[in-house]
N, C-alpha and C. Protein backbone atom coordinates (compact mmCIF):
# COMPACT_ATOMS: atom_id res chain seq x y z
N MET A 1 -56.90 39.88 -9.90
CA MET A 1 -55.59 40.23 -9.44
C MET A 1 -54.78 40.73 -10.65
N THR A 2 -53.98 41.73 -10.44
CA THR A 2 -53.15 42.31 -11.48
C THR A 2 -51.92 41.43 -11.72
N PRO A 3 -51.56 41.16 -13.00
CA PRO A 3 -50.34 40.40 -13.25
C PRO A 3 -49.13 41.02 -12.54
N GLY A 4 -48.31 40.18 -11.96
CA GLY A 4 -47.15 40.64 -11.21
C GLY A 4 -47.41 40.83 -9.73
N THR A 5 -48.67 40.68 -9.30
CA THR A 5 -49.02 40.82 -7.88
C THR A 5 -48.36 39.71 -7.08
N ARG A 6 -47.75 40.08 -5.98
CA ARG A 6 -47.15 39.10 -5.07
C ARG A 6 -47.97 39.03 -3.79
N PHE A 7 -48.04 37.84 -3.23
CA PHE A 7 -48.73 37.66 -1.96
C PHE A 7 -48.01 36.60 -1.15
N GLU A 8 -48.22 36.64 0.15
CA GLU A 8 -47.57 35.70 1.06
C GLU A 8 -48.57 34.72 1.64
N LEU A 9 -48.09 33.52 1.85
CA LEU A 9 -48.81 32.49 2.57
C LEU A 9 -47.91 32.14 3.74
N ALA A 10 -48.35 32.48 4.95
CA ALA A 10 -47.52 32.29 6.14
C ALA A 10 -48.24 31.41 7.14
N PHE A 11 -47.46 30.54 7.79
CA PHE A 11 -47.98 29.67 8.84
C PHE A 11 -47.36 30.12 10.15
N PHE A 12 -48.18 30.39 11.13
CA PHE A 12 -47.69 30.90 12.40
C PHE A 12 -47.40 29.80 13.40
N ALA A 13 -47.88 28.61 13.11
CA ALA A 13 -47.58 27.46 13.95
C ALA A 13 -46.84 26.43 13.10
N ALA A 14 -45.96 25.69 13.71
CA ALA A 14 -45.22 24.66 12.97
C ALA A 14 -46.20 23.59 12.47
N LEU A 15 -46.01 23.18 11.23
CA LEU A 15 -46.87 22.16 10.64
C LEU A 15 -46.18 20.81 10.66
N LEU A 16 -46.95 19.79 10.87
CA LEU A 16 -46.46 18.43 10.73
C LEU A 16 -46.46 18.08 9.25
N PRO A 17 -45.59 17.16 8.82
CA PRO A 17 -45.55 16.81 7.39
C PRO A 17 -46.90 16.41 6.81
N GLU A 18 -47.71 15.68 7.57
CA GLU A 18 -49.02 15.26 7.05
C GLU A 18 -49.97 16.44 6.88
N ASP A 19 -49.84 17.47 7.72
CA ASP A 19 -50.65 18.68 7.56
C ASP A 19 -50.17 19.48 6.36
N PHE A 20 -48.86 19.58 6.20
CA PHE A 20 -48.29 20.30 5.07
C PHE A 20 -48.69 19.64 3.75
N ALA A 21 -48.80 18.31 3.73
CA ALA A 21 -49.17 17.58 2.51
C ALA A 21 -50.59 17.92 2.05
N ARG A 22 -51.41 18.44 2.94
CA ARG A 22 -52.76 18.88 2.55
C ARG A 22 -52.74 20.27 1.93
N ILE A 23 -51.62 20.98 2.10
CA ILE A 23 -51.49 22.34 1.58
C ILE A 23 -50.62 22.37 0.33
N VAL A 24 -49.53 21.60 0.34
CA VAL A 24 -48.60 21.56 -0.79
C VAL A 24 -48.28 20.11 -1.12
N ALA A 25 -48.32 19.76 -2.40
CA ALA A 25 -47.96 18.40 -2.83
C ALA A 25 -47.23 18.47 -4.16
N GLY A 26 -46.42 17.47 -4.41
CA GLY A 26 -45.76 17.35 -5.69
C GLY A 26 -44.27 17.14 -5.58
N ASP A 27 -43.61 17.25 -6.73
CA ASP A 27 -42.16 17.14 -6.81
C ASP A 27 -41.70 17.89 -8.05
N CYS A 28 -40.38 18.00 -8.21
CA CYS A 28 -39.82 18.77 -9.32
C CYS A 28 -40.09 18.12 -10.67
N THR A 29 -40.28 16.82 -10.71
CA THR A 29 -40.54 16.13 -11.97
C THR A 29 -41.96 16.36 -12.47
N HIS A 30 -42.93 16.24 -11.57
CA HIS A 30 -44.34 16.34 -11.96
C HIS A 30 -44.96 17.70 -11.65
N GLY A 31 -44.26 18.52 -10.90
CA GLY A 31 -44.77 19.83 -10.54
C GLY A 31 -45.38 19.83 -9.15
N PHE A 32 -45.56 21.02 -8.62
CA PHE A 32 -46.16 21.21 -7.30
C PHE A 32 -47.50 21.90 -7.44
N GLU A 33 -48.34 21.72 -6.42
CA GLU A 33 -49.61 22.44 -6.39
C GLU A 33 -50.00 22.78 -4.96
N LEU A 34 -50.74 23.87 -4.86
CA LEU A 34 -51.32 24.29 -3.58
C LEU A 34 -52.68 23.64 -3.45
N PHE A 35 -53.04 23.27 -2.25
CA PHE A 35 -54.34 22.71 -1.92
C PHE A 35 -54.72 21.50 -2.78
N PRO A 36 -53.83 20.49 -2.84
CA PRO A 36 -54.11 19.31 -3.66
C PRO A 36 -55.39 18.60 -3.22
N GLY A 37 -56.11 18.09 -4.20
CA GLY A 37 -57.33 17.34 -3.90
C GLY A 37 -58.52 18.20 -3.56
N SER A 38 -58.38 19.52 -3.65
CA SER A 38 -59.51 20.41 -3.35
C SER A 38 -60.02 21.05 -4.64
N THR A 39 -61.13 21.73 -4.53
CA THR A 39 -61.66 22.45 -5.70
C THR A 39 -60.86 23.72 -5.96
N GLU A 40 -60.01 24.11 -5.03
CA GLU A 40 -59.20 25.32 -5.16
C GLU A 40 -57.75 25.02 -5.54
N VAL A 41 -57.46 23.81 -6.02
CA VAL A 41 -56.10 23.42 -6.35
C VAL A 41 -55.49 24.41 -7.36
N LYS A 42 -54.23 24.78 -7.12
CA LYS A 42 -53.55 25.72 -8.01
C LYS A 42 -52.10 25.28 -8.18
N PRO A 43 -51.68 24.96 -9.41
CA PRO A 43 -50.29 24.61 -9.62
C PRO A 43 -49.37 25.80 -9.40
N PHE A 44 -48.14 25.51 -9.01
CA PHE A 44 -47.16 26.59 -8.93
C PHE A 44 -45.83 26.12 -9.48
N SER A 45 -45.05 27.07 -9.96
CA SER A 45 -43.77 26.78 -10.59
C SER A 45 -42.68 27.60 -9.90
N PHE A 46 -41.48 27.46 -10.40
CA PHE A 46 -40.32 28.13 -9.83
C PHE A 46 -39.61 28.91 -10.93
N GLU A 47 -38.84 29.91 -10.54
CA GLU A 47 -38.11 30.69 -11.52
C GLU A 47 -37.02 29.86 -12.20
N THR A 48 -36.42 28.92 -11.47
CA THR A 48 -35.37 28.06 -12.02
C THR A 48 -35.52 26.65 -11.48
N SER A 49 -34.92 25.70 -12.17
CA SER A 49 -34.97 24.32 -11.66
C SER A 49 -34.18 24.20 -10.37
N THR A 50 -33.16 25.05 -10.20
CA THR A 50 -32.38 25.04 -8.96
C THR A 50 -33.26 25.42 -7.77
N ALA A 51 -34.14 26.39 -7.97
CA ALA A 51 -35.06 26.79 -6.89
C ALA A 51 -36.00 25.64 -6.55
N CYS A 52 -36.46 24.91 -7.56
CA CYS A 52 -37.33 23.77 -7.30
C CYS A 52 -36.58 22.70 -6.51
N GLU A 53 -35.35 22.42 -6.90
CA GLU A 53 -34.55 21.42 -6.20
C GLU A 53 -34.28 21.84 -4.75
N SER A 54 -34.01 23.12 -4.53
CA SER A 54 -33.79 23.62 -3.17
C SER A 54 -35.05 23.46 -2.33
N PHE A 55 -36.20 23.78 -2.92
CA PHE A 55 -37.48 23.65 -2.22
C PHE A 55 -37.74 22.18 -1.89
N ASP A 56 -37.54 21.31 -2.86
CA ASP A 56 -37.77 19.88 -2.66
C ASP A 56 -36.90 19.33 -1.54
N GLN A 57 -35.64 19.74 -1.49
CA GLN A 57 -34.74 19.31 -0.42
C GLN A 57 -35.17 19.86 0.93
N LEU A 58 -35.58 21.14 0.95
CA LEU A 58 -36.00 21.76 2.20
C LEU A 58 -37.20 21.05 2.80
N ILE A 59 -38.22 20.77 1.99
CA ILE A 59 -39.44 20.18 2.56
C ILE A 59 -39.23 18.73 2.99
N SER A 60 -38.15 18.11 2.54
CA SER A 60 -37.88 16.76 3.03
C SER A 60 -37.28 16.79 4.44
N ASN A 61 -36.77 17.97 4.86
CA ASN A 61 -36.16 18.11 6.18
C ASN A 61 -36.95 18.97 7.15
N GLU A 62 -37.54 20.02 6.65
CA GLU A 62 -38.33 20.92 7.50
C GLU A 62 -39.41 21.59 6.67
N ILE A 63 -40.44 22.04 7.35
CA ILE A 63 -41.56 22.68 6.66
C ILE A 63 -41.35 24.19 6.68
N PRO A 64 -41.31 24.84 5.51
CA PRO A 64 -41.18 26.30 5.49
C PRO A 64 -42.40 26.94 6.16
N SER A 65 -42.20 28.11 6.71
CA SER A 65 -43.31 28.80 7.37
C SER A 65 -43.80 30.01 6.57
N ASN A 66 -43.06 30.39 5.54
CA ASN A 66 -43.45 31.57 4.77
C ASN A 66 -43.16 31.35 3.29
N PHE A 67 -44.16 31.62 2.47
CA PHE A 67 -44.04 31.47 1.02
C PHE A 67 -44.45 32.78 0.37
N THR A 68 -43.74 33.20 -0.65
CA THR A 68 -44.14 34.37 -1.44
C THR A 68 -44.39 33.89 -2.86
N PHE A 69 -45.62 34.10 -3.31
CA PHE A 69 -46.04 33.71 -4.65
C PHE A 69 -46.25 34.94 -5.51
N GLN A 70 -46.10 34.76 -6.81
CA GLN A 70 -46.43 35.83 -7.75
C GLN A 70 -47.49 35.32 -8.70
N PHE A 71 -48.52 36.13 -8.89
CA PHE A 71 -49.60 35.84 -9.82
C PHE A 71 -49.26 36.49 -11.16
N ASP A 72 -49.36 35.74 -12.25
CA ASP A 72 -49.12 36.33 -13.55
C ASP A 72 -50.38 36.38 -14.41
N MET A 73 -51.04 35.25 -14.61
CA MET A 73 -52.29 35.20 -15.37
C MET A 73 -53.16 34.11 -14.77
N PRO A 74 -54.50 34.23 -14.87
CA PRO A 74 -55.38 33.23 -14.24
C PRO A 74 -55.09 31.80 -14.69
N GLU A 75 -54.78 31.58 -15.95
CA GLU A 75 -54.57 30.21 -16.42
C GLU A 75 -53.13 29.72 -16.22
N ALA A 76 -52.23 30.60 -15.83
CA ALA A 76 -50.83 30.22 -15.60
C ALA A 76 -50.63 29.78 -14.15
N PRO A 77 -49.66 28.90 -13.92
CA PRO A 77 -49.35 28.54 -12.54
C PRO A 77 -48.87 29.77 -11.76
N LEU A 78 -49.11 29.75 -10.47
CA LEU A 78 -48.48 30.76 -9.62
C LEU A 78 -46.98 30.51 -9.68
N ARG A 79 -46.20 31.51 -9.34
CA ARG A 79 -44.76 31.33 -9.30
C ARG A 79 -44.30 31.51 -7.86
N LEU A 80 -43.62 30.52 -7.32
CA LEU A 80 -43.05 30.62 -5.97
C LEU A 80 -41.73 31.36 -6.10
N VAL A 81 -41.67 32.57 -5.54
CA VAL A 81 -40.47 33.39 -5.71
C VAL A 81 -39.60 33.41 -4.46
N ALA A 82 -40.14 33.03 -3.30
CA ALA A 82 -39.34 32.97 -2.07
C ALA A 82 -40.01 32.03 -1.08
N PHE A 83 -39.17 31.39 -0.26
CA PHE A 83 -39.68 30.52 0.79
C PHE A 83 -38.63 30.44 1.88
N GLU A 84 -39.11 30.33 3.12
CA GLU A 84 -38.21 30.19 4.26
C GLU A 84 -38.91 29.50 5.41
């Protein structure tokens, strides 16, 4: 993948919190990751701590259905640039 490439992860059906926990896990203190506990686990970060706090608050109330990530380098975390 070319650095700067963006891609979306979208869910077409509403997820229950326990299903979402298999896809995304973590918190702003320790960081978040996609696919926790799998061989494909990938950490992701945010552009600002405010974005992380907004995401953390959102997932405590509802599960987002669309995520936009940006790939920068293979060894770097993905960057979550948008969610809704």
